[in-house]
Amino acid sequence: MNAMSERSERMLRVDQAGEYGANRIYAGQLAVMGTRAPNSTEIAGMAAQEAEHQAKFDAMIAERGVRPTVLQPVWSAAGFALGAATALMGPRAAMACTAAIETEIDRHYTQQLEELGDEDPELGAAILKFRDEEREHRDAALAAGAEQTPGYPLLFHAIRMGCRVAIKLSERI
């Protein structure tokens, strides 16, 4: 296997894991808040986009024979727990979670695009499209009052740090 395909495999593995985790976060939030809470319509819409992202990466993993991360059961539980916990803190905290995650994913996808260059046009196009949609999620979360969450800076940075750890682990494990 050459370095180029190893890079694409690593990117695909971590991106699929991230989209899976995002789906679990939104599932946790919606399980707690239901459909009547403020921002639940926005969360459901973001969750639908994340499901599309995951479906694309799932298909690419299958087509290319890439091994998904073995940490997926951990991300399932951790994602749901994070979503449920932030929803229990209130609708703005749920949005703060989205703002933090999408800020980190914007950074992550931008770095991947720079690293990937023209090496893998299919993967690059998916990452570019999804990055732009993740930016929309971040902006919607901020517009919904994410920054008004009590303790926002601490919550925001803690979630971003957790994302960075999950990214590093999922790239290889």
C-alpha atoms as a PDB file:
ATOM      1  CA  MET A   1       0.000   0.000   0.000  1.00  0.00           C
ATOM      2  CA  ASN A   2       1.440   3.400  -0.893  1.00  0.00           C
ATOM      3  CA  ALA A   3       1.444   6.492   1.313  1.00  0.00           C
ATOM      4  CA  MET A   4      -1.312   8.106  -0.707  1.00  0.00           C
ATOM      5  CA  SER A   5      -3.791   5.310  -0.148  1.00  0.00           C
ATOM      6  CA  GLU A   6      -2.797   5.044   3.519  1.00  0.00           C
ATOM      7  CA  ARG A   7      -3.557   8.750   3.933  1.00  0.00           C
ATOM      8  CA  SER A   8      -6.959   8.391   2.256  1.00  0.00           C
ATOM      9  CA  GLU A   9      -7.780   5.325   4.356  1.00  0.00           C
ATOM     10  CA  ARG A  10      -6.868   7.132   7.572  1.00  0.00           C
ATOM     11  CA  MET A  11      -8.975  10.134   6.569  1.00  0.00           C
ATOM     12  CA  LEU A  12     -11.915   8.010   5.561  1.00  0.00           C
ATOM     13  CA  ARG A  13     -11.736   5.985   8.792  1.00  0.00           C
ATOM     14  CA  VAL A  14     -11.701   9.037  11.055  1.00  0.00           C
ATOM     15  CA  ASP A  15     -14.314  10.948   9.065  1.00  0.00           C
ATOM     16  CA  GLN A  16     -16.753   8.035   9.083  1.00  0.00           C
ATOM     17  CA  ALA A  17     -16.223   7.685  12.845  1.00  0.00           C
ATOM     18  CA  GLY A  18     -16.827  11.398  13.326  1.00  0.00           C
ATOM     19  CA  GLU A  19     -20.058  11.428  11.385  1.00  0.00           C
ATOM     20  CA  TYR A  20     -21.199   8.340  13.290  1.00  0.00           C
ATOM     21  CA  GLY A  21     -20.396  10.111  16.556  1.00  0.00           C
ATOM     22  CA  ALA A  22     -22.307  13.200  15.441  1.00  0.00           C
ATOM     23  CA  ASN A  23     -25.365  11.082  14.767  1.00  0.00           C
ATOM     24  CA  ARG A  24     -25.102   9.596  18.246  1.00  0.00           C
ATOM     25  CA  ILE A  25     -24.794  13.069  19.808  1.00  0.00           C
ATOM     26  CA  TYR A  26     -27.941  14.275  18.074  1.00  0.00           C
ATOM     27  CA  ALA A  27     -29.729  11.045  19.027  1.00  0.00           C
ATOM     28  CA  GLY A  28     -28.869  11.714  22.673  1.00  0.00           C
ATOM     29  CA  GLN A  29     -30.041  15.303  22.455  1.00  0.00           C
ATOM     30  CA  LEU A  30     -33.321  14.399  20.797  1.00  0.00           C
ATOM     31  CA  ALA A  31     -33.911  11.544  23.255  1.00  0.00           C
ATOM     32  CA  VAL A  32     -33.787  14.048  26.110  1.00  0.00           C
ATOM     33  CA  MET A  33     -35.374  17.098  24.483  1.00  0.00           C
ATOM     34  CA  GLY A  34     -37.885  15.416  22.220  1.00  0.00           C
ATOM     35  CA  THR A  35     -39.419  17.327  19.367  1.00  0.00           C
ATOM     36  CA  ARG A  36     -41.068  20.098  21.385  1.00  0.00           C
ATOM     37  CA  ALA A  37     -37.979  21.731  22.857  1.00  0.00           C
ATOM     38  CA  PRO A  38     -36.471  24.918  21.444  1.00  0.00           C
ATOM     39  CA  ASN A  39     -34.049  24.128  18.624  1.00  0.00           C
ATOM     40  CA  SER A  40     -35.341  20.547  18.212  1.00  0.00           C
ATOM     41  CA  THR A  41     -36.330  21.239  14.590  1.00  0.00           C
ATOM     42  CA  GLU A  42     -32.838  22.580  13.879  1.00  0.00           C
ATOM     43  CA  ILE A  43     -31.238  19.618  15.647  1.00  0.00           C
ATOM     44  CA  ALA A  44     -33.358  17.167  13.649  1.00  0.00           C
ATOM     45  CA  GLY A  45     -32.320  18.909  10.418  1.00  0.00           C
ATOM     46  CA  MET A  46     -28.644  18.805  11.370  1.00  0.00           C
ATOM     47  CA  ALA A  47     -29.020  15.156  12.342  1.00  0.00           C
ATOM     48  CA  ALA A  48     -30.474  14.386   8.903  1.00  0.00           C
ATOM     49  CA  GLN A  49     -27.461  15.992   7.217  1.00  0.00           C
ATOM     50  CA  GLU A  50     -25.070  14.089   9.485  1.00  0.00           C
ATOM     51  CA  ALA A  51     -26.847  10.861   8.522  1.00  0.00           C
ATOM     52  CA  GLU A  52     -26.233  11.725   4.854  1.00  0.00           C
ATOM     53  CA  HIS A  53     -22.558  12.381   5.605  1.00  0.00           C
ATOM     54  CA  GLN A  54     -22.223   9.073   7.418  1.00  0.00           C
ATOM     55  CA  ALA A  55     -23.995   7.204   4.620  1.00  0.00           C
ATOM     56  CA  LYS A  56     -21.523   8.602   2.075  1.00  0.00           C
ATOM     57  CA  PHE A  57     -18.516   7.655   4.192  1.00  0.00           C
ATOM     58  CA  ASP A  58     -20.051   4.228   4.962  1.00  0.00           C
ATOM     59  CA  ALA A  59     -20.384   3.607   1.228  1.00  0.00           C
ATOM     60  CA  MET A  60     -16.826   4.744   0.529  1.00  0.00           C
ATOM     61  CA  ILE A  61     -15.465   2.513   3.308  1.00  0.00           C
ATOM     62  CA  ALA A  62     -17.328  -0.460   1.860  1.00  0.00           C
ATOM     63  CA  GLU A  63     -16.308   0.283  -1.738  1.00  0.00           C
ATOM     64  CA  ARG A  64     -12.654   0.749  -0.817  1.00  0.00           C
ATOM     65  CA  GLY A  65     -12.409  -2.047   1.734  1.00  0.00           C
ATOM     66  CA  VAL A  66     -11.268   0.302   4.499  1.00  0.00           C
ATOM     67  CA  ARG A  67     -11.451  -0.977   8.052  1.00  0.00           C
ATOM     68  CA  PRO A  68     -13.611   1.266  10.234  1.00  0.00           C
ATOM     69  CA  THR A  69     -12.335   2.243  13.658  1.00  0.00           C
ATOM     70  CA  VAL A  70     -12.657  -0.455  16.281  1.00  0.00           C
ATOM     71  CA  LEU A  71     -13.609   2.318  18.705  1.00  0.00           C
ATOM     72  CA  GLN A  72     -17.075   2.705  17.190  1.00  0.00           C
ATOM     73  CA  PRO A  73     -18.833   1.164  20.237  1.00  0.00           C
ATOM     74  CA  VAL A  74     -17.014   3.676  22.447  1.00  0.00           C
ATOM     75  CA  TRP A  75     -18.039   6.566  20.201  1.00  0.00           C
ATOM     76  CA  SER A  76     -21.621   5.292  20.203  1.00  0.00           C
ATOM     77  CA  ALA A  77     -21.867   5.441  23.986  1.00  0.00           C
ATOM     78  CA  ALA A  78     -19.776   8.590  24.384  1.00  0.00           C
ATOM     79  CA  GLY A  79     -21.634  10.462  21.657  1.00  0.00           C
ATOM     80  CA  PHE A  80     -25.064   9.589  23.020  1.00  0.00           C
ATOM     81  CA  ALA A  81     -23.949  10.491  26.556  1.00  0.00           C
ATOM     82  CA  LEU A  82     -22.533  13.848  25.421  1.00  0.00           C
ATOM     83  CA  GLY A  83     -25.712  14.639  23.537  1.00  0.00           C
ATOM     84  CA  ALA A  84     -27.950  13.642  26.425  1.00  0.00           C
ATOM     85  CA  ALA A  85     -25.838  15.508  28.990  1.00  0.00           C
ATOM     86  CA  THR A  86     -25.788  18.746  27.034  1.00  0.00           C
ATOM     87  CA  ALA A  87     -29.533  18.469  26.367  1.00  0.00           C
ATOM     88  CA  LEU A  88     -30.144  17.982  30.098  1.00  0.00           C
ATOM     89  CA  MET A  89     -28.269  21.251  30.635  1.00  0.00           C
ATOM     90  CA  GLY A  90     -30.759  22.949  28.315  1.00  0.00           C
ATOM     91  CA  PRO A  91     -31.341  23.827  24.662  1.00  0.00           C
ATOM     92  CA  ARG A  92     -28.566  26.431  24.571  1.00  0.00           C
ATOM     93  CA  ALA A  93     -26.065  23.931  25.990  1.00  0.00           C
ATOM     94  CA  ALA A  94     -27.088  21.491  23.258  1.00  0.00           C
ATOM     95  CA  MET A  95     -26.297  24.247  20.764  1.00  0.00           C
ATOM     96  CA  ALA A  96     -23.006  24.954  22.550  1.00  0.00           C
ATOM     97  CA  CYS A  97     -22.090  21.311  21.986  1.00  0.00           C
ATOM     98  CA  THR A  98     -22.817  21.692  18.276  1.00  0.00           C
ATOM     99  CA  ALA A  99     -20.839  24.944  18.070  1.00  0.00           C
ATOM    100  CA  ALA A 100     -17.814  23.325  19.724  1.00  0.00           C
ATOM    101  CA  ILE A 101     -17.877  20.154  17.662  1.00  0.00           C
ATOM    102  CA  GLU A 102     -18.454  21.902  14.366  1.00  0.00           C
ATOM    103  CA  THR A 103     -15.684  24.414  15.086  1.00  0.00           C
ATOM    104  CA  GLU A 104     -13.288  21.531  15.595  1.00  0.00           C
ATOM    105  CA  ILE A 105     -14.578  19.611  12.571  1.00  0.00           C
ATOM    106  CA  ASP A 106     -14.191  22.701  10.392  1.00  0.00           C
ATOM    107  CA  ARG A 107     -10.539  22.846  11.472  1.00  0.00           C
ATOM    108  CA  HIS A 108     -10.111  19.092  10.958  1.00  0.00           C
ATOM    109  CA  TYR A 109     -11.717  18.988   7.499  1.00  0.00           C
ATOM    110  CA  THR A 110      -9.774  22.085   6.385  1.00  0.00           C
ATOM    111  CA  GLN A 111      -6.497  20.428   7.434  1.00  0.00           C
ATOM    112  CA  GLN A 112      -7.487  17.256   5.606  1.00  0.00           C
ATOM    113  CA  LEU A 113      -8.249  19.185   2.418  1.00  0.00           C
ATOM    114  CA  GLU A 114      -4.844  20.879   2.576  1.00  0.00           C
ATOM    115  CA  GLU A 115      -3.098  17.545   3.200  1.00  0.00           C
ATOM    116  CA  LEU A 116      -5.085  15.691   0.548  1.00  0.00           C
ATOM    117  CA  GLY A 117      -4.675  18.190  -2.280  1.00  0.00           C
ATOM    118  CA  ASP A 118      -5.651  16.537  -5.581  1.00  0.00           C
ATOM    119  CA  GLU A 119      -4.685  13.062  -4.391  1.00  0.00           C
ATOM    120  CA  ASP A 120      -8.223  11.664  -3.969  1.00  0.00           C
ATOM    121  CA  PRO A 121     -10.823  13.786  -5.800  1.00  0.00           C
ATOM    122  CA  GLU A 122     -13.841  11.768  -4.596  1.00  0.00           C
ATOM    123  CA  LEU A 123     -12.856  11.977  -0.937  1.00  0.00           C
ATOM    124  CA  GLY A 124     -11.827  15.623  -1.296  1.00  0.00           C
ATOM    125  CA  ALA A 125     -15.194  16.569  -2.800  1.00  0.00           C
ATOM    126  CA  ALA A 126     -17.074  14.844   0.023  1.00  0.00           C
ATOM    127  CA  ILE A 127     -14.928  16.499   2.693  1.00  0.00           C
ATOM    128  CA  LEU A 128     -15.356  19.937   1.086  1.00  0.00           C
ATOM    129  CA  LYS A 129     -19.149  19.602   0.859  1.00  0.00           C
ATOM    130  CA  PHE A 130     -19.462  18.271   4.384  1.00  0.00           C
ATOM    131  CA  ARG A 131     -17.129  20.923   5.820  1.00  0.00           C
ATOM    132  CA  ASP A 132     -19.334  23.635   4.367  1.00  0.00           C
ATOM    133  CA  GLU A 133     -22.428  22.002   5.871  1.00  0.00           C
ATOM    134  CA  GLU A 134     -20.691  21.644   9.255  1.00  0.00           C
ATOM    135  CA  ARG A 135     -19.928  25.369   9.136  1.00  0.00           C
ATOM    136  CA  GLU A 136     -23.641  25.999   8.597  1.00  0.00           C
ATOM    137  CA  HIS A 137     -24.395  23.867  11.676  1.00  0.00           C
ATOM    138  CA  ARG A 138     -21.899  25.869  13.749  1.00  0.00           C
ATOM    139  CA  ASP A 139     -23.354  29.166  12.573  1.00  0.00           C
ATOM    140  CA  ALA A 140     -26.909  27.983  13.309  1.00  0.00           C
ATOM    141  CA  ALA A 141     -25.872  26.893  16.801  1.00  0.00           C
ATOM    142  CA  LEU A 142     -24.286  30.269  17.486  1.00  0.00           C
ATOM    143  CA  ALA A 143     -27.385  32.048  16.149  1.00  0.00           C
ATOM    144  CA  ALA A 144     -29.511  29.902  18.495  1.00  0.00           C
ATOM    145  CA  GLY A 145     -27.703  31.259  21.548  1.00  0.00           C
ATOM    146  CA  ALA A 146     -24.938  28.712  22.136  1.00  0.00           C
ATOM    147  CA  GLU A 147     -22.648  31.373  23.591  1.00  0.00           C
ATOM    148  CA  GLN A 148     -25.274  32.313  26.195  1.00  0.00           C
ATOM    149  CA  THR A 149     -24.835  28.935  27.896  1.00  0.00           C
ATOM    150  CA  PRO A 150     -23.555  29.362  31.462  1.00  0.00           C
ATOM    151  CA  GLY A 151     -19.906  28.321  31.486  1.00  0.00           C
ATOM    152  CA  TYR A 152     -19.788  28.396  27.681  1.00  0.00           C
ATOM    153  CA  PRO A 153     -16.001  28.854  27.321  1.00  0.00           C
ATOM    154  CA  LEU A 154     -15.270  25.888  29.575  1.00  0.00           C
ATOM    155  CA  LEU A 155     -17.873  23.653  27.902  1.00  0.00           C
ATOM    156  CA  PHE A 156     -16.801  24.773  24.417  1.00  0.00           C
ATOM    157  CA  HIS A 157     -13.101  24.066  24.988  1.00  0.00           C
ATOM    158  CA  ALA A 158     -13.688  20.789  26.832  1.00  0.00           C
ATOM    159  CA  ILE A 159     -15.797  19.449  23.969  1.00  0.00           C
ATOM    160  CA  ARG A 160     -13.256  20.605  21.389  1.00  0.00           C
ATOM    161  CA  MET A 161     -10.485  18.832  23.313  1.00  0.00           C
ATOM    162  CA  GLY A 162     -12.581  15.672  23.418  1.00  0.00           C
ATOM    163  CA  CYS A 163     -13.047  15.909  19.649  1.00  0.00           C
ATOM    164  CA  ARG A 164      -9.308  16.221  19.107  1.00  0.00           C
ATOM    165  CA  VAL A 165      -8.654  13.132  21.200  1.00  0.00           C
ATOM    166  CA  ALA A 166     -11.361  11.170  19.358  1.00  0.00           C
ATOM    167  CA  ILE A 167      -9.899  12.221  15.996  1.00  0.00           C
ATOM    168  CA  LYS A 168      -6.375  11.115  16.901  1.00  0.00           C
ATOM    169  CA  LEU A 169      -7.555   7.777  18.251  1.00  0.00           C
ATOM    170  CA  SER A 170      -9.919   7.032  15.360  1.00  0.00           C
ATOM    171  CA  GLU A 171      -7.323   7.741  12.675  1.00  0.00           C
ATOM    172  CA  ARG A 172      -5.362   4.642  13.570  1.00  0.00           C
ATOM    173  CA  ILE A 173      -7.289   2.389  15.939  1.00  0.00           C
END
